[in-house]
Amino acid sequence: MNHATVATACFLACGAAALAHPGHGATDPETPLHYAAEPVHSLPLVLAALTCAACWIAAHRTKRER
């Protein structure tokens, strides 16, 4: 099994576990506001976006150096 398959399975399993516990946060869990307002959801999204941006910048810097 390759690393991408294992990583995908881990990410999917973590998402399912997060949905399994009721009562986290003060907003309705079925609305987009819940995902934007609750740090347990918004911080990983922000960190993922920052990681993607950093990788994109690093890739373009590498292309310019060639």
C-alpha atoms as a PDB file:
ATOM      1  CA  MET A   1       0.000   0.000   0.000  1.00  0.00           C
ATOM      2  CA  ASN A   2       1.466   3.377  -0.913  1.00  0.00           C
ATOM      3  CA  HIS A   3       1.783   6.359   1.418  1.00  0.00           C
ATOM      4  CA  ALA A   4      -0.921   8.393  -0.325  1.00  0.00           C
ATOM      5  CA  THR A   5      -3.506   5.664   0.271  1.00  0.00           C
ATOM      6  CA  VAL A   6      -2.590   5.384   3.940  1.00  0.00           C
ATOM      7  CA  ALA A   7      -2.647   9.175   4.390  1.00  0.00           C
ATOM      8  CA  THR A   8      -6.048   9.430   2.702  1.00  0.00           C
ATOM      9  CA  ALA A   9      -7.454   6.693   4.927  1.00  0.00           C
ATOM     10  CA  CYS A  10      -6.124   8.474   8.031  1.00  0.00           C
ATOM     11  CA  PHE A  11      -7.645  11.807   7.009  1.00  0.00           C
ATOM     12  CA  LEU A  12     -11.004  10.187   6.310  1.00  0.00           C
ATOM     13  CA  ALA A  13     -10.953   8.349   9.635  1.00  0.00           C
ATOM     14  CA  CYS A  14     -10.138  11.541  11.544  1.00  0.00           C
ATOM     15  CA  GLY A  15     -13.027  13.389   9.918  1.00  0.00           C
ATOM     16  CA  ALA A  16     -15.479  10.663  10.843  1.00  0.00           C
ATOM     17  CA  ALA A  17     -14.332  10.752  14.467  1.00  0.00           C
ATOM     18  CA  ALA A  18     -14.846  14.523  14.640  1.00  0.00           C
ATOM     19  CA  LEU A  19     -18.446  14.150  13.507  1.00  0.00           C
ATOM     20  CA  ALA A  20     -19.096  11.418  16.057  1.00  0.00           C
ATOM     21  CA  HIS A  21     -19.220  13.621  19.153  1.00  0.00           C
ATOM     22  CA  PRO A  22     -22.260  15.832  19.731  1.00  0.00           C
ATOM     23  CA  GLY A  23     -22.344  19.067  21.656  1.00  0.00           C
ATOM     24  CA  HIS A  24     -19.125  20.771  20.637  1.00  0.00           C
ATOM     25  CA  GLY A  25     -19.453  24.502  20.105  1.00  0.00           C
ATOM     26  CA  ALA A  26     -22.261  27.002  20.536  1.00  0.00           C
ATOM     27  CA  THR A  27     -23.578  27.154  16.960  1.00  0.00           C
ATOM     28  CA  ASP A  28     -25.893  24.807  15.083  1.00  0.00           C
ATOM     29  CA  PRO A  29     -23.625  22.006  13.775  1.00  0.00           C
ATOM     30  CA  GLU A  30     -25.554  21.759  10.493  1.00  0.00           C
ATOM     31  CA  THR A  31     -24.762  25.305   9.302  1.00  0.00           C
ATOM     32  CA  PRO A  32     -21.718  26.759   7.520  1.00  0.00           C
ATOM     33  CA  LEU A  33     -21.375  29.236  10.407  1.00  0.00           C
ATOM     34  CA  HIS A  34     -20.455  26.326  12.667  1.00  0.00           C
ATOM     35  CA  TYR A  35     -17.445  25.462  10.524  1.00  0.00           C
ATOM     36  CA  ALA A  36     -16.358  29.107  10.228  1.00  0.00           C
ATOM     37  CA  ALA A  37     -16.905  30.127  13.859  1.00  0.00           C
ATOM     38  CA  GLU A  38     -15.700  27.092  15.793  1.00  0.00           C
ATOM     39  CA  PRO A  39     -11.902  26.944  16.226  1.00  0.00           C
ATOM     40  CA  VAL A  40     -11.944  23.143  16.166  1.00  0.00           C
ATOM     41  CA  HIS A  41     -12.985  23.402  12.503  1.00  0.00           C
ATOM     42  CA  SER A  42     -11.612  26.746  11.345  1.00  0.00           C
ATOM     43  CA  LEU A  43      -8.023  26.428  12.605  1.00  0.00           C
ATOM     44  CA  PRO A  44      -7.238  23.248  10.624  1.00  0.00           C
ATOM     45  CA  LEU A  45      -8.666  24.904   7.501  1.00  0.00           C
ATOM     46  CA  VAL A  46      -6.522  27.991   8.064  1.00  0.00           C
ATOM     47  CA  LEU A  47      -3.431  25.861   8.683  1.00  0.00           C
ATOM     48  CA  ALA A  48      -4.127  23.808   5.547  1.00  0.00           C
ATOM     49  CA  ALA A  49      -4.494  26.986   3.482  1.00  0.00           C
ATOM     50  CA  LEU A  50      -1.240  28.394   4.891  1.00  0.00           C
ATOM     51  CA  THR A  51       0.557  25.120   4.163  1.00  0.00           C
ATOM     52  CA  CYS A  52      -0.711  25.123   0.572  1.00  0.00           C
ATOM     53  CA  ALA A  53       0.365  28.744   0.142  1.00  0.00           C
ATOM     54  CA  ALA A  54       3.827  28.013   1.537  1.00  0.00           C
ATOM     55  CA  CYS A  55       4.251  25.031  -0.797  1.00  0.00           C
ATOM     56  CA  TRP A  56       3.084  27.095  -3.782  1.00  0.00           C
ATOM     57  CA  ILE A  57       5.536  29.894  -2.944  1.00  0.00           C
ATOM     58  CA  ALA A  58       8.391  27.418  -2.457  1.00  0.00           C
ATOM     59  CA  ALA A  59       7.627  25.727  -5.778  1.00  0.00           C
ATOM     60  CA  HIS A  60       7.605  29.025  -7.661  1.00  0.00           C
ATOM     61  CA  ARG A  61      10.837  30.164  -6.032  1.00  0.00           C
ATOM     62  CA  THR A  62      12.470  26.914  -7.098  1.00  0.00           C
ATOM     63  CA  LYS A  63      11.290  27.446 -10.699  1.00  0.00           C
ATOM     64  CA  ARG A  64      12.709  30.988 -10.741  1.00  0.00           C
ATOM     65  CA  GLU A  65      16.114  29.802  -9.522  1.00  0.00           C
ATOM     66  CA  ARG A  66      16.482  27.408 -12.445  1.00  0.00           C
END
